[in-house]
Amino acid sequence: MPHAKSRLIVAVLAGLGVTAACVAVAAAQVTITEYPAGIGAWAGPWGITSGPDGALWFADRYGERIGRITTTGVLTEFPAGLTGPVGPMGIAAGSDGALWFTDSGVGRIGRITTAGVVTEYSAGIMPGAVPGWITAGPDGALWFTDNDNGRIGRIATSGVATEYWAGITAGAEPVCITTGWDGALWFTEVIGNRIGRITTSGEVTEFSAGITPGAAPEGITAGPDGAMWFTESTGNRIGRITTAGVVTEYSTGITPRSVPYGITAGSDGALWFTEQVGDRVGRITTAGVVTEYSTGLTPGSEAVAITRGPDGAVWFTEWGQSRIGRVAVSGHMIRRHLERATP
């Protein structure tokens, strides 16, 4: 029987047009909430990030919009200024207080202010480019993957881009990119089956030892243990790579053929990942212990990107159902982590 407080929260959420799993108040319980209101059908939300305004911002790939959702679920989409068709994919907060996104359909990098004003840039981007994911670099610029051309790009906040390809295996198809603990950028190569590292001066190193053949690395993030963690969409594993390039793979506890995709470090000291085909969100500790959650997720959700929100929850995009999802861990687990992190 759900706790009375749980029933009250669910009733309030239902009144706001929000679908939610039963809310549990016991320690270390997980609640998944979905927000469909305000997103058009067949929109295809993809990348998601925390913005400088305390909200979450996401790329609406097929709706050709940039979306904003508050931590209470209020959603706004901005269509003006995007070139289209089929464009926004990755998104990240820049050092200039704006959000930067990849416009994969037209080979451009876009910038949107928190007021919704869009500017797009193409200078320095190779013709035929398909920019994929994007991240804020340690040098104040934005770094992105150019999937089809097998390049890593850098764009200054002035809008001028540079692309690097020396050292990247031909046909590797870089996908996701993030800043590592060592001050370099780390990226996945879905076809090359490697993890790449690029310094801010453009020097590339690739790592393949320890990665299962045909694993198809996709998402990547900096873990709380000083290593990089990544997903293997075809290998159906979660990988860990040290900054020295030593790889460990974990598969126990992951549903077969679930296609792990996005990954992020949570507020609870673990890593959280999406399962695009499995209709689940997974959690893996730094010791490799996996737990999966599906209650509250609509069948066919096809969750892809995931990020830690400003509210301590993890937020993700549902490409298949055109929704934004939120995973909250009950206070006990998060409180312990925060207490450990307090000086």
C-alpha atoms as a PDB file:
ATOM      1  CA  MET A   1       0.000   0.000   0.000  1.00  0.00           C
ATOM      2  CA  PRO A   2       1.549   3.362  -0.994  1.00  0.00           C
ATOM      3  CA  HIS A   3       2.260   5.854   1.763  1.00  0.00           C
ATOM      4  CA  ALA A   4      -0.369   8.634   2.114  1.00  0.00           C
ATOM      5  CA  LYS A   5       2.224  11.227   1.143  1.00  0.00           C
ATOM      6  CA  SER A   6       3.016   9.200  -1.982  1.00  0.00           C
ATOM      7  CA  ARG A   7      -0.645   9.148  -3.009  1.00  0.00           C
ATOM      8  CA  LEU A   8      -0.914  12.897  -2.476  1.00  0.00           C
ATOM      9  CA  ILE A   9       2.151  13.625  -4.649  1.00  0.00           C
ATOM     10  CA  VAL A  10       0.897  11.367  -7.426  1.00  0.00           C
ATOM     11  CA  ALA A  11      -2.521  13.090  -7.333  1.00  0.00           C
ATOM     12  CA  VAL A  12      -0.929  16.524  -7.586  1.00  0.00           C
ATOM     13  CA  LEU A  13       1.269  15.444 -10.496  1.00  0.00           C
ATOM     14  CA  ALA A  14      -1.727  13.926 -12.290  1.00  0.00           C
ATOM     15  CA  GLY A  15      -3.552  17.228 -11.960  1.00  0.00           C
ATOM     16  CA  LEU A  16      -0.631  18.903 -13.738  1.00  0.00           C
ATOM     17  CA  GLY A  17      -0.799  16.460 -16.634  1.00  0.00           C
ATOM     18  CA  VAL A  18       2.280  14.570 -15.499  1.00  0.00           C
ATOM     19  CA  THR A  19       2.598  10.801 -15.596  1.00  0.00           C
ATOM     20  CA  ALA A  20       4.570   9.365 -12.698  1.00  0.00           C
ATOM     21  CA  ALA A  21       5.472   6.131 -11.043  1.00  0.00           C
ATOM     22  CA  CYS A  22       4.247   5.533  -7.512  1.00  0.00           C
ATOM     23  CA  VAL A  23       6.250   7.810  -5.218  1.00  0.00           C
ATOM     24  CA  ALA A  24       8.085   6.046  -2.410  1.00  0.00           C
ATOM     25  CA  VAL A  25       9.311   7.814   0.703  1.00  0.00           C
ATOM     26  CA  ALA A  26      11.526   5.062   2.057  1.00  0.00           C
ATOM     27  CA  ALA A  27      15.287   5.429   1.827  1.00  0.00           C
ATOM     28  CA  ALA A  28      17.014   4.799  -1.503  1.00  0.00           C
ATOM     29  CA  GLN A  29      13.781   4.552  -3.525  1.00  0.00           C
ATOM     30  CA  VAL A  30      13.690   5.695  -7.150  1.00  0.00           C
ATOM     31  CA  THR A  31      10.852   7.597  -8.799  1.00  0.00           C
ATOM     32  CA  ILE A  32      10.584   8.171 -12.541  1.00  0.00           C
ATOM     33  CA  THR A  33       8.380  11.000 -13.775  1.00  0.00           C
ATOM     34  CA  GLU A  34       7.584  11.813 -17.404  1.00  0.00           C
ATOM     35  CA  TYR A  35       6.617  15.211 -18.794  1.00  0.00           C
ATOM     36  CA  PRO A  36       4.753  15.112 -22.116  1.00  0.00           C
ATOM     37  CA  ALA A  37       2.925  18.437 -21.936  1.00  0.00           C
ATOM     38  CA  GLY A  38       4.276  21.077 -24.318  1.00  0.00           C
ATOM     39  CA  ILE A  39       6.238  18.783 -26.639  1.00  0.00           C
ATOM     40  CA  GLY A  40       4.821  18.124 -30.095  1.00  0.00           C
ATOM     41  CA  ALA A  41       4.158  14.582 -31.305  1.00  0.00           C
ATOM     42  CA  TRP A  42       7.092  13.021 -33.189  1.00  0.00           C
ATOM     43  CA  ALA A  43       9.348  15.760 -31.859  1.00  0.00           C
ATOM     44  CA  GLY A  44      12.310  13.525 -31.064  1.00  0.00           C
ATOM     45  CA  PRO A  45      14.011  15.115 -28.029  1.00  0.00           C
ATOM     46  CA  TRP A  46      17.705  14.166 -28.095  1.00  0.00           C
ATOM     47  CA  GLY A  47      20.457  15.989 -26.172  1.00  0.00           C
ATOM     48  CA  ILE A  48      19.781  17.534 -22.740  1.00  0.00           C
ATOM     49  CA  THR A  49      21.807  19.687 -20.355  1.00  0.00           C
ATOM     50  CA  SER A  50      21.483  21.888 -17.282  1.00  0.00           C
ATOM     51  CA  GLY A  51      21.253  25.562 -18.176  1.00  0.00           C
ATOM     52  CA  PRO A  52      22.666  28.614 -16.404  1.00  0.00           C
ATOM     53  CA  ASP A  53      19.123  29.648 -15.431  1.00  0.00           C
ATOM     54  CA  GLY A  54      18.369  26.644 -13.210  1.00  0.00           C
ATOM     55  CA  ALA A  55      16.323  24.851 -15.879  1.00  0.00           C
ATOM     56  CA  LEU A  56      17.037  21.959 -18.252  1.00  0.00           C
ATOM     57  CA  TRP A  57      17.515  22.630 -21.966  1.00  0.00           C
ATOM     58  CA  PHE A  58      17.124  20.036 -24.695  1.00  0.00           C
ATOM     59  CA  ALA A  59      17.494  19.621 -28.446  1.00  0.00           C
ATOM     60  CA  ASP A  60      14.250  18.704 -30.228  1.00  0.00           C
ATOM     61  CA  ARG A  61      15.775  16.947 -33.213  1.00  0.00           C
ATOM     62  CA  TYR A  62      12.753  16.344 -35.428  1.00  0.00           C
ATOM     63  CA  GLY A  63      10.602  19.148 -34.064  1.00  0.00           C
ATOM     64  CA  GLU A  64      13.413  21.526 -35.134  1.00  0.00           C
ATOM     65  CA  ARG A  65      13.279  23.377 -31.843  1.00  0.00           C
ATOM     66  CA  ILE A  66      15.248  23.987 -28.683  1.00  0.00           C
ATOM     67  CA  GLY A  67      13.276  23.233 -25.539  1.00  0.00           C
ATOM     68  CA  ARG A  68      13.465  24.393 -21.943  1.00  0.00           C
ATOM     69  CA  ILE A  69      11.903  22.617 -18.976  1.00  0.00           C
ATOM     70  CA  THR A  70      11.922  23.823 -15.396  1.00  0.00           C
ATOM     71  CA  THR A  71      12.571  21.421 -12.531  1.00  0.00           C
ATOM     72  CA  THR A  72       8.816  21.552 -11.832  1.00  0.00           C
ATOM     73  CA  GLY A  73       8.013  20.404 -15.365  1.00  0.00           C
ATOM     74  CA  VAL A  74       6.969  23.635 -17.092  1.00  0.00           C
ATOM     75  CA  LEU A  75       8.066  23.384 -20.714  1.00  0.00           C
ATOM     76  CA  THR A  76       8.735  25.976 -23.435  1.00  0.00           C
ATOM     77  CA  GLU A  77       9.997  25.404 -26.973  1.00  0.00           C
ATOM     78  CA  PHE A  78      11.777  27.938 -29.188  1.00  0.00           C
ATOM     79  CA  PRO A  79      11.415  27.447 -32.962  1.00  0.00           C
ATOM     80  CA  ALA A  80      12.572  30.823 -34.274  1.00  0.00           C
ATOM     81  CA  GLY A  81      16.039  31.059 -35.834  1.00  0.00           C
ATOM     82  CA  LEU A  82      16.708  27.379 -36.548  1.00  0.00           C
ATOM     83  CA  THR A  83      17.539  26.541 -40.147  1.00  0.00           C
ATOM     84  CA  GLY A  84      16.195  22.959 -40.338  1.00  0.00           C
ATOM     85  CA  PRO A  85      15.243  20.472 -41.516  1.00  0.00           C
ATOM     86  CA  VAL A  86      15.964  17.795 -38.892  1.00  0.00           C
ATOM     87  CA  GLY A  87      18.561  19.509 -36.874  1.00  0.00           C
ATOM     88  CA  PRO A  88      19.302  20.030 -33.189  1.00  0.00           C
ATOM     89  CA  MET A  89      21.017  17.029 -31.640  1.00  0.00           C
ATOM     90  CA  GLY A  90      23.525  17.839 -28.891  1.00  0.00           C
ATOM     91  CA  ILE A  91      23.328  20.760 -26.467  1.00  0.00           C
ATOM     92  CA  ALA A  92      25.585  22.190 -23.747  1.00  0.00           C
ATOM     93  CA  ALA A  93      25.852  25.267 -21.566  1.00  0.00           C
ATOM     94  CA  GLY A  94      28.612  27.609 -22.704  1.00  0.00           C
ATOM     95  CA  SER A  95      30.960  29.791 -20.697  1.00  0.00           C
ATOM     96  CA  ASP A  96      29.151  32.865 -22.065  1.00  0.00           C
ATOM     97  CA  GLY A  97      25.867  32.155 -20.284  1.00  0.00           C
ATOM     98  CA  ALA A  98      24.117  30.814 -23.399  1.00  0.00           C
ATOM     99  CA  LEU A  99      23.281  27.320 -24.625  1.00  0.00           C
ATOM    100  CA  TRP A 100      25.149  25.918 -27.625  1.00  0.00           C
ATOM    101  CA  PHE A 101      23.783  23.160 -29.840  1.00  0.00           C
ATOM    102  CA  THR A 102      24.643  21.155 -32.924  1.00  0.00           C
ATOM    103  CA  ASP A 103      22.410  21.602 -35.970  1.00  0.00           C
ATOM    104  CA  SER A 104      23.178  18.285 -37.620  1.00  0.00           C
ATOM    105  CA  GLY A 105      20.835  18.708 -40.586  1.00  0.00           C
ATOM    106  CA  VAL A 106      22.636  21.762 -41.962  1.00  0.00           C
ATOM    107  CA  GLY A 107      26.145  21.309 -40.562  1.00  0.00           C
ATOM    108  CA  ARG A 108      26.108  24.281 -38.211  1.00  0.00           C
ATOM    109  CA  ILE A 109      26.613  25.089 -34.554  1.00  0.00           C
ATOM    110  CA  GLY A 110      23.866  27.141 -32.918  1.00  0.00           C
ATOM    111  CA  ARG A 111      23.711  29.401 -29.905  1.00  0.00           C
ATOM    112  CA  ILE A 112      20.539  30.249 -27.993  1.00  0.00           C
ATOM    113  CA  THR A 113      20.262  32.735 -25.174  1.00  0.00           C
ATOM    114  CA  THR A 114      18.088  31.991 -22.158  1.00  0.00           C
ATOM    115  CA  ALA A 115      15.615  34.456 -23.688  1.00  0.00           C
ATOM    116  CA  GLY A 116      15.357  32.253 -26.795  1.00  0.00           C
ATOM    117  CA  VAL A 117      17.394  34.268 -29.326  1.00  0.00           C
ATOM    118  CA  VAL A 118      19.137  31.940 -31.807  1.00  0.00           C
ATOM    119  CA  THR A 119      22.310  32.498 -33.850  1.00  0.00           C
ATOM    120  CA  GLU A 120      23.896  29.855 -36.085  1.00  0.00           C
ATOM    121  CA  TYR A 121      27.537  29.570 -37.166  1.00  0.00           C
ATOM    122  CA  SER A 122      29.208  27.713 -40.028  1.00  0.00           C
ATOM    123  CA  ALA A 123      32.641  29.381 -40.397  1.00  0.00           C
ATOM    124  CA  GLY A 124      35.386  26.781 -40.108  1.00  0.00           C
ATOM    125  CA  ILE A 125      33.028  23.793 -40.253  1.00  0.00           C
ATOM    126  CA  MET A 126      33.758  21.349 -43.054  1.00  0.00           C
ATOM    127  CA  PRO A 127      31.139  21.164 -45.872  1.00  0.00           C
ATOM    128  CA  GLY A 128      28.931  18.131 -45.411  1.00  0.00           C
ATOM    129  CA  ALA A 129      29.567  18.079 -41.672  1.00  0.00           C
ATOM    130  CA  VAL A 130      27.119  16.333 -39.384  1.00  0.00           C
ATOM    131  CA  PRO A 131      27.781  17.798 -35.922  1.00  0.00           C
ATOM    132  CA  GLY A 132      26.621  15.381 -33.240  1.00  0.00           C
ATOM    133  CA  TRP A 133      27.243  15.971 -29.546  1.00  0.00           C
ATOM    134  CA  ILE A 134      28.737  19.052 -27.939  1.00  0.00           C
ATOM    135  CA  THR A 135      30.302  19.900 -24.586  1.00  0.00           C
ATOM    136  CA  ALA A 136      31.869  22.839 -22.803  1.00  0.00           C
ATOM    137  CA  GLY A 137      35.653  22.568 -22.905  1.00  0.00           C
ATOM    138  CA  PRO A 138      38.161  23.488 -20.198  1.00  0.00           C
ATOM    139  CA  ASP A 139      39.424  26.306 -22.438  1.00  0.00           C
ATOM    140  CA  GLY A 140      36.127  28.241 -22.497  1.00  0.00           C
ATOM    141  CA  ALA A 141      35.224  27.024 -25.994  1.00  0.00           C
ATOM    142  CA  LEU A 142      32.686  24.405 -27.088  1.00  0.00           C
ATOM    143  CA  TRP A 143      33.855  21.088 -28.497  1.00  0.00           C
ATOM    144  CA  PHE A 144      31.767  18.887 -30.771  1.00  0.00           C
ATOM    145  CA  THR A 145      31.897  15.691 -32.816  1.00  0.00           C
ATOM    146  CA  ASP A 146      31.586  15.747 -36.619  1.00  0.00           C
ATOM    147  CA  ASN A 147      30.218  12.221 -37.088  1.00  0.00           C
ATOM    148  CA  ASP A 148      30.366  11.617 -40.835  1.00  0.00           C
ATOM    149  CA  ASN A 149      33.645  13.431 -41.428  1.00  0.00           C
ATOM    150  CA  GLY A 150      35.390  11.715 -38.522  1.00  0.00           C
ATOM    151  CA  ARG A 151      36.500  14.946 -36.910  1.00  0.00           C
ATOM    152  CA  ILE A 152      36.433  16.739 -33.582  1.00  0.00           C
ATOM    153  CA  GLY A 153      35.490  20.392 -33.736  1.00  0.00           C
ATOM    154  CA  ARG A 154      36.118  23.366 -31.497  1.00  0.00           C
ATOM    155  CA  ILE A 155      34.078  26.546 -31.656  1.00  0.00           C
ATOM    156  CA  ALA A 156      34.948  29.689 -29.746  1.00  0.00           C
ATOM    157  CA  THR A 157      32.141  31.734 -28.242  1.00  0.00           C
ATOM    158  CA  SER A 158      32.840  34.239 -31.022  1.00  0.00           C
ATOM    159  CA  GLY A 159      31.457  31.650 -33.447  1.00  0.00           C
ATOM    160  CA  VAL A 160      34.657  30.636 -35.262  1.00  0.00           C
ATOM    161  CA  ALA A 161      35.229  26.883 -35.526  1.00  0.00           C
ATOM    162  CA  THR A 162      38.278  24.664 -36.073  1.00  0.00           C
ATOM    163  CA  GLU A 163      38.145  20.956 -36.883  1.00  0.00           C
ATOM    164  CA  TYR A 164      40.751  18.311 -36.050  1.00  0.00           C
ATOM    165  CA  TRP A 165      41.182  14.930 -37.726  1.00  0.00           C
ATOM    166  CA  ALA A 166      44.863  13.967 -37.384  1.00  0.00           C
ATOM    167  CA  GLY A 167      45.092  10.844 -35.239  1.00  0.00           C
ATOM    168  CA  ILE A 168      41.444   9.811 -35.631  1.00  0.00           C
ATOM    169  CA  THR A 169      40.982   6.506 -37.450  1.00  0.00           C
ATOM    170  CA  ALA A 170      39.255   6.920 -40.802  1.00  0.00           C
ATOM    171  CA  GLY A 171      35.573   5.997 -40.668  1.00  0.00           C
ATOM    172  CA  ALA A 172      35.556   5.911 -36.859  1.00  0.00           C
ATOM    173  CA  GLU A 173      32.469   8.158 -36.532  1.00  0.00           C
ATOM    174  CA  PRO A 174      32.977  10.065 -33.281  1.00  0.00           C
ATOM    175  CA  VAL A 175      29.657  10.378 -31.455  1.00  0.00           C
ATOM    176  CA  CYS A 176      29.639  11.726 -27.899  1.00  0.00           C
ATOM    177  CA  ILE A 177      32.182  14.018 -26.269  1.00  0.00           C
ATOM    178  CA  THR A 178      32.807  15.331 -22.757  1.00  0.00           C
ATOM    179  CA  THR A 179      35.489  17.029 -20.693  1.00  0.00           C
ATOM    180  CA  GLY A 180      37.652  14.719 -18.595  1.00  0.00           C
ATOM    181  CA  TRP A 181      39.306  15.125 -15.230  1.00  0.00           C
ATOM    182  CA  ASP A 182      42.673  15.505 -16.934  1.00  0.00           C
ATOM    183  CA  GLY A 183      41.791  18.704 -18.810  1.00  0.00           C
ATOM    184  CA  ALA A 184      41.344  16.946 -22.150  1.00  0.00           C
ATOM    185  CA  LEU A 185      38.221  16.067 -24.151  1.00  0.00           C
ATOM    186  CA  TRP A 186      37.160  12.422 -24.327  1.00  0.00           C
ATOM    187  CA  PHE A 187      34.961  10.999 -27.072  1.00  0.00           C
ATOM    188  CA  THR A 188      33.477   7.729 -28.289  1.00  0.00           C
ATOM    189  CA  GLU A 189      33.967   6.172 -31.732  1.00  0.00           C
ATOM    190  CA  VAL A 190      30.905   4.092 -32.531  1.00  0.00           C
ATOM    191  CA  ILE A 191      32.312   2.489 -35.697  1.00  0.00           C
ATOM    192  CA  GLY A 192      35.997   2.648 -34.770  1.00  0.00           C
ATOM    193  CA  ASN A 193      35.141   0.845 -31.502  1.00  0.00           C
ATOM    194  CA  ARG A 194      37.512   3.070 -29.597  1.00  0.00           C
ATOM    195  CA  ILE A 195      37.614   5.767 -26.968  1.00  0.00           C
ATOM    196  CA  GLY A 196      39.400   8.911 -28.089  1.00  0.00           C
ATOM    197  CA  ARG A 197      41.130  11.701 -26.200  1.00  0.00           C
ATOM    198  CA  ILE A 198      41.973  15.108 -27.630  1.00  0.00           C
ATOM    199  CA  THR A 199      43.892  17.871 -25.904  1.00  0.00           C
ATOM    200  CA  THR A 200      42.862  21.499 -26.259  1.00  0.00           C
ATOM    201  CA  SER A 201      45.768  21.885 -28.687  1.00  0.00           C
ATOM    202  CA  GLY A 202      44.313  19.156 -30.934  1.00  0.00           C
ATOM    203  CA  GLU A 203      46.529  16.143 -30.147  1.00  0.00           C
ATOM    204  CA  VAL A 204      44.561  12.891 -30.423  1.00  0.00           C
ATOM    205  CA  THR A 205      45.080   9.520 -28.724  1.00  0.00           C
ATOM    206  CA  GLU A 206      42.836   6.507 -29.332  1.00  0.00           C
ATOM    207  CA  PHE A 207      42.285   3.554 -27.002  1.00  0.00           C
ATOM    208  CA  SER A 208      40.910   0.166 -28.082  1.00  0.00           C
ATOM    209  CA  ALA A 209      42.531  -2.393 -25.769  1.00  0.00           C
ATOM    210  CA  GLY A 210      39.952  -3.962 -23.471  1.00  0.00           C
ATOM    211  CA  ILE A 211      36.899  -2.926 -25.500  1.00  0.00           C
ATOM    212  CA  THR A 212      34.905  -5.878 -26.825  1.00  0.00           C
ATOM    213  CA  PRO A 213      34.986  -6.033 -30.658  1.00  0.00           C
ATOM    214  CA  GLY A 214      31.849  -4.528 -32.159  1.00  0.00           C
ATOM    215  CA  ALA A 215      30.798  -2.978 -28.838  1.00  0.00           C
ATOM    216  CA  ALA A 216      29.914   0.401 -30.453  1.00  0.00           C
ATOM    217  CA  PRO A 217      30.727   2.932 -27.694  1.00  0.00           C
ATOM    218  CA  GLU A 218      28.128   5.739 -27.556  1.00  0.00           C
ATOM    219  CA  GLY A 219      27.761   7.921 -24.443  1.00  0.00           C
ATOM    220  CA  ILE A 220      30.626   9.070 -22.238  1.00  0.00           C
ATOM    221  CA  THR A 221      30.958  11.040 -19.011  1.00  0.00           C
ATOM    222  CA  ALA A 222      33.454  11.843 -16.283  1.00  0.00           C
ATOM    223  CA  GLY A 223      32.833   9.598 -13.292  1.00  0.00           C
ATOM    224  CA  PRO A 224      33.124  10.491  -9.601  1.00  0.00           C
ATOM    225  CA  ASP A 225      36.151   8.178  -9.295  1.00  0.00           C
ATOM    226  CA  GLY A 226      38.449  10.124 -11.635  1.00  0.00           C
ATOM    227  CA  ALA A 227      37.851   7.786 -14.588  1.00  0.00           C
ATOM    228  CA  MET A 228      35.707   8.107 -17.697  1.00  0.00           C
ATOM    229  CA  TRP A 229      32.596   5.942 -18.033  1.00  0.00           C
ATOM    230  CA  PHE A 230      30.947   5.020 -21.327  1.00  0.00           C
ATOM    231  CA  THR A 231      28.122   2.958 -22.777  1.00  0.00           C
ATOM    232  CA  GLU A 232      28.415   0.173 -25.338  1.00  0.00           C
ATOM    233  CA  SER A 233      25.220   0.144 -27.383  1.00  0.00           C
ATOM    234  CA  THR A 234      25.864  -3.090 -29.272  1.00  0.00           C
ATOM    235  CA  GLY A 235      28.069  -4.719 -26.647  1.00  0.00           C
ATOM    236  CA  ASN A 236      25.296  -4.086 -24.084  1.00  0.00           C
ATOM    237  CA  ARG A 237      27.846  -3.106 -21.464  1.00  0.00           C
ATOM    238  CA  ILE A 238      29.038  -0.162 -19.424  1.00  0.00           C
ATOM    239  CA  GLY A 239      32.727   0.613 -19.767  1.00  0.00           C
ATOM    240  CA  ARG A 240      35.213   2.409 -17.555  1.00  0.00           C
ATOM    241  CA  ILE A 241      38.486   3.831 -18.827  1.00  0.00           C
ATOM    242  CA  THR A 242      41.175   5.417 -16.714  1.00  0.00           C
ATOM    243  CA  THR A 243      42.983   8.500 -17.973  1.00  0.00           C
ATOM    244  CA  ALA A 244      45.887   6.139 -18.705  1.00  0.00           C
ATOM    245  CA  GLY A 245      43.647   4.131 -21.044  1.00  0.00           C
ATOM    246  CA  VAL A 246      42.944   1.019 -18.945  1.00  0.00           C
ATOM    247  CA  VAL A 247      39.459  -0.334 -19.760  1.00  0.00           C
ATOM    248  CA  THR A 248      37.082  -2.407 -17.624  1.00  0.00           C
ATOM    249  CA  GLU A 249      33.685  -3.558 -18.920  1.00  0.00           C
ATOM    250  CA  TYR A 250      30.568  -4.441 -16.905  1.00  0.00           C
ATOM    251  CA  SER A 251      27.605  -6.437 -18.216  1.00  0.00           C
ATOM    252  CA  THR A 252      26.138  -8.235 -15.187  1.00  0.00           C
ATOM    253  CA  GLY A 253      22.686  -6.879 -14.386  1.00  0.00           C
ATOM    254  CA  ILE A 254      22.055  -5.229 -17.758  1.00  0.00           C
ATOM    255  CA  THR A 255      19.098  -6.666 -19.671  1.00  0.00           C
ATOM    256  CA  PRO A 256      20.225  -8.314 -22.937  1.00  0.00           C
ATOM    257  CA  ARG A 257      19.868  -6.216 -26.099  1.00  0.00           C
ATOM    258  CA  SER A 258      18.708  -3.169 -24.143  1.00  0.00           C
ATOM    259  CA  VAL A 259      21.164  -0.833 -25.974  1.00  0.00           C
ATOM    260  CA  PRO A 260      22.759   1.381 -23.288  1.00  0.00           C
ATOM    261  CA  TYR A 261      23.132   4.878 -24.743  1.00  0.00           C
ATOM    262  CA  GLY A 262      23.514   8.029 -22.619  1.00  0.00           C
ATOM    263  CA  ILE A 263      25.400   8.178 -19.313  1.00  0.00           C
ATOM    264  CA  THR A 264      25.963  10.769 -16.597  1.00  0.00           C
ATOM    265  CA  ALA A 265      27.313  11.034 -13.056  1.00  0.00           C
ATOM    266  CA  GLY A 266      24.507  11.327 -10.503  1.00  0.00           C
ATOM    267  CA  SER A 267      24.267  13.181  -7.206  1.00  0.00           C
ATOM    268  CA  ASP A 268      24.410   9.860  -5.362  1.00  0.00           C
ATOM    269  CA  GLY A 269      27.983   8.993  -6.339  1.00  0.00           C
ATOM    270  CA  ALA A 270      26.932   6.477  -9.010  1.00  0.00           C
ATOM    271  CA  LEU A 271      26.571   6.586 -12.807  1.00  0.00           C
ATOM    272  CA  TRP A 272      23.134   6.653 -14.448  1.00  0.00           C
ATOM    273  CA  PHE A 273      22.496   5.488 -17.992  1.00  0.00           C
ATOM    274  CA  THR A 274      19.639   5.093 -20.468  1.00  0.00           C
ATOM    275  CA  GLU A 275      18.645   1.906 -22.261  1.00  0.00           C
ATOM    276  CA  GLN A 276      17.288   2.976 -25.623  1.00  0.00           C
ATOM    277  CA  VAL A 277      15.621  -0.312 -26.539  1.00  0.00           C
ATOM    278  CA  GLY A 278      15.120  -1.723 -23.050  1.00  0.00           C
ATOM    279  CA  ASP A 279      12.820   1.120 -21.914  1.00  0.00           C
ATOM    280  CA  ARG A 280      14.809   1.402 -18.726  1.00  0.00           C
ATOM    281  CA  VAL A 281      17.120   3.694 -16.832  1.00  0.00           C
ATOM    282  CA  GLY A 282      20.095   2.002 -15.214  1.00  0.00           C
ATOM    283  CA  ARG A 283      22.371   2.831 -12.297  1.00  0.00           C
ATOM    284  CA  ILE A 284      25.900   1.489 -11.899  1.00  0.00           C
ATOM    285  CA  THR A 285      28.112   2.025  -8.899  1.00  0.00           C
ATOM    286  CA  THR A 286      31.822   2.664  -9.289  1.00  0.00           C
ATOM    287  CA  ALA A 287      32.278  -0.951  -8.150  1.00  0.00           C
ATOM    288  CA  GLY A 288      30.232  -2.115 -11.154  1.00  0.00           C
ATOM    289  CA  VAL A 289      26.956  -3.070  -9.451  1.00  0.00           C
ATOM    290  CA  VAL A 290      23.996  -2.455 -11.793  1.00  0.00           C
ATOM    291  CA  THR A 291      20.342  -1.785 -10.968  1.00  0.00           C
ATOM    292  CA  GLU A 292      17.696  -1.151 -13.626  1.00  0.00           C
ATOM    293  CA  TYR A 293      14.457   0.806 -13.311  1.00  0.00           C
ATOM    294  CA  SER A 294      11.455   0.710 -15.630  1.00  0.00           C
ATOM    295  CA  THR A 295       8.415   1.586 -13.510  1.00  0.00           C
ATOM    296  CA  GLY A 296       7.099   4.936 -14.705  1.00  0.00           C
ATOM    297  CA  LEU A 297       8.600   4.704 -18.190  1.00  0.00           C
ATOM    298  CA  THR A 298       6.145   4.528 -21.087  1.00  0.00           C
ATOM    299  CA  PRO A 299       6.736   1.529 -23.390  1.00  0.00           C
ATOM    300  CA  GLY A 300       8.571   2.610 -26.527  1.00  0.00           C
ATOM    301  CA  SER A 301      10.175   5.559 -24.740  1.00  0.00           C
ATOM    302  CA  GLU A 302      13.572   5.033 -26.415  1.00  0.00           C
ATOM    303  CA  ALA A 303      15.451   7.070 -23.847  1.00  0.00           C
ATOM    304  CA  VAL A 304      18.703   8.531 -25.174  1.00  0.00           C
ATOM    305  CA  ALA A 305      20.523  11.431 -23.499  1.00  0.00           C
ATOM    306  CA  ILE A 306      20.765  11.838 -19.730  1.00  0.00           C
ATOM    307  CA  THR A 307      22.210  14.533 -17.475  1.00  0.00           C
ATOM    308  CA  ARG A 308      22.297  15.570 -13.841  1.00  0.00           C
ATOM    309  CA  GLY A 309      19.892  18.414 -13.162  1.00  0.00           C
ATOM    310  CA  PRO A 310      20.262  21.400 -10.840  1.00  0.00           C
ATOM    311  CA  ASP A 311      17.739  19.764  -8.477  1.00  0.00           C
ATOM    312  CA  GLY A 312      19.941  16.713  -7.830  1.00  0.00           C
ATOM    313  CA  ALA A 313      17.798  14.434  -9.994  1.00  0.00           C
ATOM    314  CA  VAL A 314      18.850  12.995 -13.336  1.00  0.00           C
ATOM    315  CA  TRP A 315      16.904  14.067 -16.411  1.00  0.00           C
ATOM    316  CA  PHE A 316      16.670  12.282 -19.738  1.00  0.00           C
ATOM    317  CA  THR A 317      15.082  12.564 -23.159  1.00  0.00           C
ATOM    318  CA  GLU A 318      12.607  10.095 -24.637  1.00  0.00           C
ATOM    319  CA  TRP A 319      13.052  10.120 -28.373  1.00  0.00           C
ATOM    320  CA  GLY A 320      10.374   7.495 -29.003  1.00  0.00           C
ATOM    321  CA  GLN A 321       7.583   9.093 -26.962  1.00  0.00           C
ATOM    322  CA  SER A 322       8.511  12.789 -27.253  1.00  0.00           C
ATOM    323  CA  ARG A 323       8.835  13.246 -23.506  1.00  0.00           C
ATOM    324  CA  ILE A 324      11.308  14.447 -20.930  1.00  0.00           C
ATOM    325  CA  GLY A 325      11.929  12.135 -17.995  1.00  0.00           C
ATOM    326  CA  ARG A 326      13.181  12.728 -14.475  1.00  0.00           C
ATOM    327  CA  VAL A 327      14.683  10.189 -12.069  1.00  0.00           C
ATOM    328  CA  ALA A 328      14.638  11.123  -8.404  1.00  0.00           C
ATOM    329  CA  VAL A 329      16.346   9.151  -5.669  1.00  0.00           C
ATOM    330  CA  SER A 330      14.770   9.493  -2.242  1.00  0.00           C
ATOM    331  CA  GLY A 331      16.490  11.825   0.201  1.00  0.00           C
ATOM    332  CA  HIS A 332      18.446   9.307   2.281  1.00  0.00           C
ATOM    333  CA  MET A 333      20.858   8.247  -0.465  1.00  0.00           C
ATOM    334  CA  ILE A 334      21.395  11.765  -1.793  1.00  0.00           C
ATOM    335  CA  ARG A 335      21.746  13.235   1.702  1.00  0.00           C
ATOM    336  CA  ARG A 336      24.520  10.801   2.606  1.00  0.00           C
ATOM    337  CA  HIS A 337      26.415  11.728  -0.541  1.00  0.00           C
ATOM    338  CA  LEU A 338      26.050  15.445   0.083  1.00  0.00           C
ATOM    339  CA  GLU A 339      27.173  15.098   3.677  1.00  0.00           C
ATOM    340  CA  ARG A 340      30.318  13.294   2.527  1.00  0.00           C
ATOM    341  CA  ALA A 341      30.990  16.052   0.025  1.00  0.00           C
ATOM    342  CA  THR A 342      30.642  18.830   2.615  1.00  0.00           C
ATOM    343  CA  PRO A 343      33.967  20.123   4.018  1.00  0.00           C
END
